[in-house]
Amino acid sequence: MLESNNPLIPDWLEVFYAPIRDNLTVDVLLLAVCLLIACDLVFGMAAAAKNGEFKSSKVRQGLWHKTGELALIALAIIIDALLLAGVTVPFNIPDGSAVIAVCLGLVVMEISSLLEIAVRLNDQLAELPIFKLLASSAKNGLGEKPDAVYLDENDD
C-alpha cells in the first residue's frame, strides 16, 4: 500500500490520489476535459441564445450529460486505484491508463462538439474544409448533431 506524503491525505485515500498526482499526462488531460466541458456549456448557450433556441430545460439536460462525463472519469480513477492497489489482470496496464483513455475520448468528443457550436455561432465557418468534412461525416451516420438549447417561454 502507498504511504501518503501529505499528512492531510490518509494512506487509504492515497491510492486514489497518487495516479493523478504522479502523472503529468493525467493532470493535463483532466484539466483539458474540465476546460472543454466549461467551454462547451458556455459557447453552447451562446449559440442557442444567438439562434433564439435557448431553453432552460435543455441546459439542465446538458448539465446532466456533463455530470455523466465526470462520473465516467471518477470510475476511471477508481479502476486505476484498484490496479495500483494490487488488483491483478492478465495483462500489463500502465498507471493512469483508465483515466487517460477516458479523458482522451472525452477530449475528442468535446472538441467535436465545440466545432459544431462554432459553426452555429458563425455559419461562414461551414465553408472551411475541416467543417465540410465534419458535415459529410454527420450525413453519413458517423456522428450525431447535438440537441439545440431552446427558449421555452414557460421555463423558469
C-alpha atoms as a PDB file:
ATOM      1  CA  MET A   1       0.000   0.000   0.000  1.00  0.00           C
ATOM      2  CA  LEU A   2       1.175   3.512  -0.730  1.00  0.00           C
ATOM      3  CA  GLU A   3       2.079   5.794   2.125  1.00  0.00           C
ATOM      4  CA  SER A   4       0.887   9.353   1.906  1.00  0.00           C
ATOM      5  CA  ASN A   5       3.477  12.107   1.663  1.00  0.00           C
ATOM      6  CA  ASN A   6       0.826  14.563   2.728  1.00  0.00           C
ATOM      7  CA  PRO A   7      -0.424  14.435   6.329  1.00  0.00           C
ATOM      8  CA  LEU A   8      -3.838  15.686   5.172  1.00  0.00           C
ATOM      9  CA  ILE A   9      -4.362  12.650   2.909  1.00  0.00           C
ATOM     10  CA  PRO A  10      -4.889   9.334   4.732  1.00  0.00           C
ATOM     11  CA  ASP A  11      -2.912   6.355   3.400  1.00  0.00           C
ATOM     12  CA  TRP A  12      -6.082   4.537   2.266  1.00  0.00           C
ATOM     13  CA  LEU A  13      -7.004   7.565   0.127  1.00  0.00           C
ATOM     14  CA  GLU A  14      -3.511   7.953  -1.330  1.00  0.00           C
ATOM     15  CA  VAL A  15      -4.098   5.025  -3.703  1.00  0.00           C
ATOM     16  CA  PHE A  16      -6.811   7.083  -5.448  1.00  0.00           C
ATOM     17  CA  TYR A  17      -4.841  10.324  -5.491  1.00  0.00           C
ATOM     18  CA  ALA A  18      -1.379   9.008  -6.476  1.00  0.00           C
ATOM     19  CA  PRO A  19      -2.161   8.140 -10.135  1.00  0.00           C
ATOM     20  CA  ILE A  20      -3.370  11.703 -10.639  1.00  0.00           C
ATOM     21  CA  ARG A  21      -0.662  13.454  -8.639  1.00  0.00           C
ATOM     22  CA  ASP A  22       2.225  11.474 -10.107  1.00  0.00           C
ATOM     23  CA  ASN A  23       1.234  11.560 -13.780  1.00  0.00           C
ATOM     24  CA  LEU A  24       1.558  14.829 -15.702  1.00  0.00           C
ATOM     25  CA  THR A  25      -0.385  13.384 -18.656  1.00  0.00           C
ATOM     26  CA  VAL A  26      -3.331  12.606 -16.385  1.00  0.00           C
ATOM     27  CA  ASP A  27      -3.130  16.088 -14.832  1.00  0.00           C
ATOM     28  CA  VAL A  28      -3.163  17.796 -18.225  1.00  0.00           C
ATOM     29  CA  LEU A  29      -5.971  15.617 -19.588  1.00  0.00           C
ATOM     30  CA  LEU A  30      -8.168  16.172 -16.527  1.00  0.00           C
ATOM     31  CA  LEU A  31      -7.678  19.923 -16.795  1.00  0.00           C
ATOM     32  CA  ALA A  32      -8.318  19.829 -20.563  1.00  0.00           C
ATOM     33  CA  VAL A  33     -11.575  17.891 -20.081  1.00  0.00           C
ATOM     34  CA  CYS A  34     -12.778  20.342 -17.421  1.00  0.00           C
ATOM     35  CA  LEU A  35     -11.921  23.373 -19.583  1.00  0.00           C
ATOM     36  CA  LEU A  36     -13.536  21.837 -22.670  1.00  0.00           C
ATOM     37  CA  ILE A  37     -16.700  20.980 -20.719  1.00  0.00           C
ATOM     38  CA  ALA A  38     -16.895  24.578 -19.455  1.00  0.00           C
ATOM     39  CA  CYS A  39     -16.345  25.954 -22.979  1.00  0.00           C
ATOM     40  CA  ASP A  40     -18.957  23.581 -24.390  1.00  0.00           C
ATOM     41  CA  LEU A  41     -21.540  24.779 -21.876  1.00  0.00           C
ATOM     42  CA  VAL A  42     -20.766  28.488 -22.261  1.00  0.00           C
ATOM     43  CA  PHE A  43     -20.469  28.551 -26.055  1.00  0.00           C
ATOM     44  CA  GLY A  44     -23.388  26.149 -26.482  1.00  0.00           C
ATOM     45  CA  MET A  45     -25.625  28.513 -24.517  1.00  0.00           C
ATOM     46  CA  ALA A  46     -24.258  31.465 -26.521  1.00  0.00           C
ATOM     47  CA  ALA A  47     -25.055  29.703 -29.815  1.00  0.00           C
ATOM     48  CA  ALA A  48     -28.536  28.811 -28.601  1.00  0.00           C
ATOM     49  CA  ALA A  49     -29.169  32.397 -27.487  1.00  0.00           C
ATOM     50  CA  LYS A  50     -27.850  33.762 -30.802  1.00  0.00           C
ATOM     51  CA  ASN A  51     -30.186  31.498 -32.748  1.00  0.00           C
ATOM     52  CA  GLY A  52     -33.209  32.089 -30.471  1.00  0.00           C
ATOM     53  CA  GLU A  53     -33.133  28.445 -29.338  1.00  0.00           C
ATOM     54  CA  PHE A  54     -32.350  28.809 -25.632  1.00  0.00           C
ATOM     55  CA  LYS A  55     -34.408  26.643 -23.276  1.00  0.00           C
ATOM     56  CA  SER A  56     -33.517  26.120 -19.625  1.00  0.00           C
ATOM     57  CA  SER A  57     -34.720  22.502 -19.642  1.00  0.00           C
ATOM     58  CA  LYS A  58     -32.142  21.747 -22.361  1.00  0.00           C
ATOM     59  CA  VAL A  59     -29.471  23.479 -20.272  1.00  0.00           C
ATOM     60  CA  ARG A  60     -30.376  21.234 -17.341  1.00  0.00           C
ATOM     61  CA  GLN A  61     -30.254  18.200 -19.641  1.00  0.00           C
ATOM     62  CA  GLY A  62     -26.807  19.282 -20.855  1.00  0.00           C
ATOM     63  CA  LEU A  63     -25.607  19.673 -17.272  1.00  0.00           C
ATOM     64  CA  TRP A  64     -26.746  16.114 -16.525  1.00  0.00           C
ATOM     65  CA  HIS A  65     -24.806  14.894 -19.582  1.00  0.00           C
ATOM     66  CA  LYS A  66     -21.689  16.686 -18.336  1.00  0.00           C
ATOM     67  CA  THR A  67     -22.230  15.156 -14.889  1.00  0.00           C
ATOM     68  CA  GLY A  68     -22.258  11.739 -16.563  1.00  0.00           C
ATOM     69  CA  GLU A  69     -18.919  12.528 -18.193  1.00  0.00           C
ATOM     70  CA  LEU A  70     -17.443  13.455 -14.805  1.00  0.00           C
ATOM     71  CA  ALA A  71     -18.867  10.227 -13.336  1.00  0.00           C
ATOM     72  CA  LEU A  72     -17.050   8.306 -16.065  1.00  0.00           C
ATOM     73  CA  ILE A  73     -13.793   9.994 -15.034  1.00  0.00           C
ATOM     74  CA  ALA A  74     -14.461   9.085 -11.388  1.00  0.00           C
ATOM     75  CA  LEU A  75     -14.974   5.460 -12.417  1.00  0.00           C
ATOM     76  CA  ALA A  76     -11.679   5.508 -14.328  1.00  0.00           C
ATOM     77  CA  ILE A  77      -9.887   6.919 -11.261  1.00  0.00           C
ATOM     78  CA  ILE A  78     -11.313   4.064  -9.165  1.00  0.00           C
ATOM     79  CA  ILE A  79     -10.190   1.491 -11.756  1.00  0.00           C
ATOM     80  CA  ASP A  80      -6.666   2.944 -11.807  1.00  0.00           C
ATOM     81  CA  ALA A  81      -6.604   2.936  -7.989  1.00  0.00           C
ATOM     82  CA  LEU A  82      -7.639  -0.726  -7.885  1.00  0.00           C
ATOM     83  CA  LEU A  83      -4.832  -1.610 -10.295  1.00  0.00           C
ATOM     84  CA  LEU A  84      -2.319   0.413  -8.268  1.00  0.00           C
ATOM     85  CA  ALA A  85      -3.510  -1.262  -5.064  1.00  0.00           C
ATOM     86  CA  GLY A  86      -2.616  -4.649  -6.479  1.00  0.00           C
ATOM     87  CA  VAL A  87      -5.695  -6.000  -8.224  1.00  0.00           C
ATOM     88  CA  THR A  88      -4.241  -8.205 -10.923  1.00  0.00           C
ATOM     89  CA  VAL A  89      -5.341  -8.577 -14.510  1.00  0.00           C
ATOM     90  CA  PRO A  90      -3.879 -10.979 -17.091  1.00  0.00           C
ATOM     91  CA  PHE A  91      -2.106  -8.186 -18.986  1.00  0.00           C
ATOM     92  CA  ASN A  92       0.155  -5.211 -18.216  1.00  0.00           C
ATOM     93  CA  ILE A  93      -1.585  -1.875 -17.705  1.00  0.00           C
ATOM     94  CA  PRO A  94       0.472   1.277 -17.039  1.00  0.00           C
ATOM     95  CA  ASP A  95      -0.521   3.562 -14.155  1.00  0.00           C
ATOM     96  CA  GLY A  96      -3.243   6.018 -15.055  1.00  0.00           C
ATOM     97  CA  SER A  97      -4.305   4.168 -18.204  1.00  0.00           C
ATOM     98  CA  ALA A  98      -8.047   4.142 -17.478  1.00  0.00           C
ATOM     99  CA  VAL A  99      -8.135   7.867 -16.747  1.00  0.00           C
ATOM    100  CA  ILE A 100      -6.028   8.602 -19.828  1.00  0.00           C
ATOM    101  CA  ALA A 101      -8.288   6.511 -22.092  1.00  0.00           C
ATOM    102  CA  VAL A 102     -11.498   8.048 -20.744  1.00  0.00           C
ATOM    103  CA  CYS A 103     -10.138  11.598 -20.866  1.00  0.00           C
ATOM    104  CA  LEU A 104      -8.843  11.188 -24.429  1.00  0.00           C
ATOM    105  CA  GLY A 105     -12.283  10.012 -25.526  1.00  0.00           C
ATOM    106  CA  LEU A 106     -13.955  12.939 -23.762  1.00  0.00           C
ATOM    107  CA  VAL A 107     -11.469  15.435 -25.244  1.00  0.00           C
ATOM    108  CA  VAL A 108     -12.248  14.223 -28.766  1.00  0.00           C
ATOM    109  CA  MET A 109     -15.988  14.337 -28.071  1.00  0.00           C
ATOM    110  CA  GLU A 110     -15.844  17.858 -26.581  1.00  0.00           C
ATOM    111  CA  ILE A 111     -13.654  19.196 -29.416  1.00  0.00           C
ATOM    112  CA  SER A 112     -16.142  17.812 -31.937  1.00  0.00           C
ATOM    113  CA  SER A 113     -18.996  19.462 -30.054  1.00  0.00           C
ATOM    114  CA  LEU A 114     -17.151  22.788 -29.914  1.00  0.00           C
ATOM    115  CA  LEU A 115     -16.502  22.673 -33.664  1.00  0.00           C
ATOM    116  CA  GLU A 116     -20.235  22.203 -34.275  1.00  0.00           C
ATOM    117  CA  ILE A 117     -21.024  25.049 -31.886  1.00  0.00           C
ATOM    118  CA  ALA A 118     -18.513  27.301 -33.677  1.00  0.00           C
ATOM    119  CA  VAL A 119     -20.456  26.809 -36.918  1.00  0.00           C
ATOM    120  CA  ARG A 120     -23.695  27.647 -35.124  1.00  0.00           C
ATOM    121  CA  LEU A 121     -22.067  30.865 -33.892  1.00  0.00           C
ATOM    122  CA  ASN A 122     -20.513  31.728 -37.277  1.00  0.00           C
ATOM    123  CA  ASP A 123     -22.063  29.942 -40.251  1.00  0.00           C
ATOM    124  CA  GLN A 124     -19.253  31.169 -42.548  1.00  0.00           C
ATOM    125  CA  LEU A 125     -17.003  28.610 -40.851  1.00  0.00           C
ATOM    126  CA  ALA A 126     -19.031  25.865 -42.532  1.00  0.00           C
ATOM    127  CA  GLU A 127     -17.162  26.645 -45.775  1.00  0.00           C
ATOM    128  CA  LEU A 128     -13.786  25.660 -44.312  1.00  0.00           C
ATOM    129  CA  PRO A 129     -12.522  22.173 -45.302  1.00  0.00           C
ATOM    130  CA  ILE A 130     -12.497  20.757 -41.758  1.00  0.00           C
ATOM    131  CA  PHE A 131     -16.120  21.720 -41.255  1.00  0.00           C
ATOM    132  CA  LYS A 132     -17.140  20.289 -44.643  1.00  0.00           C
ATOM    133  CA  LEU A 133     -15.501  17.015 -43.603  1.00  0.00           C
ATOM    134  CA  LEU A 134     -17.382  17.032 -40.295  1.00  0.00           C
ATOM    135  CA  ALA A 135     -20.666  17.788 -42.064  1.00  0.00           C
ATOM    136  CA  SER A 136     -20.208  14.921 -44.525  1.00  0.00           C
ATOM    137  CA  SER A 137     -19.325  12.556 -41.654  1.00  0.00           C
ATOM    138  CA  ALA A 138     -22.524  13.533 -39.836  1.00  0.00           C
ATOM    139  CA  LYS A 139     -24.593  12.998 -43.001  1.00  0.00           C
ATOM    140  CA  ASN A 140     -23.080   9.540 -43.453  1.00  0.00           C
ATOM    141  CA  GLY A 141     -24.133   8.483 -39.959  1.00  0.00           C
ATOM    142  CA  LEU A 142     -20.688   8.853 -38.390  1.00  0.00           C
ATOM    143  CA  GLY A 143     -21.832  11.486 -35.939  1.00  0.00           C
ATOM    144  CA  GLU A 144     -24.945  12.905 -34.399  1.00  0.00           C
ATOM    145  CA  LYS A 145     -25.993  16.503 -34.344  1.00  0.00           C
ATOM    146  CA  PRO A 146     -26.255  17.733 -30.743  1.00  0.00           C
ATOM    147  CA  ASP A 147     -29.591  18.802 -29.316  1.00  0.00           C
ATOM    148  CA  ALA A 148     -30.260  22.522 -29.571  1.00  0.00           C
ATOM    149  CA  VAL A 149     -30.920  24.554 -26.438  1.00  0.00           C
ATOM    150  CA  TYR A 150     -34.347  26.132 -26.913  1.00  0.00           C
ATOM    151  CA  LEU A 151     -36.049  29.039 -25.220  1.00  0.00           C
ATOM    152  CA  ASP A 152     -39.336  27.986 -23.717  1.00  0.00           C
ATOM    153  CA  GLU A 153     -41.369  30.919 -22.503  1.00  0.00           C
ATOM    154  CA  ASN A 154     -42.902  28.668 -19.819  1.00  0.00           C
ATOM    155  CA  ASP A 155     -39.498  27.576 -18.427  1.00  0.00           C
ATOM    156  CA  ASP A 156     -38.157  29.064 -15.204  1.00  0.00           C
END
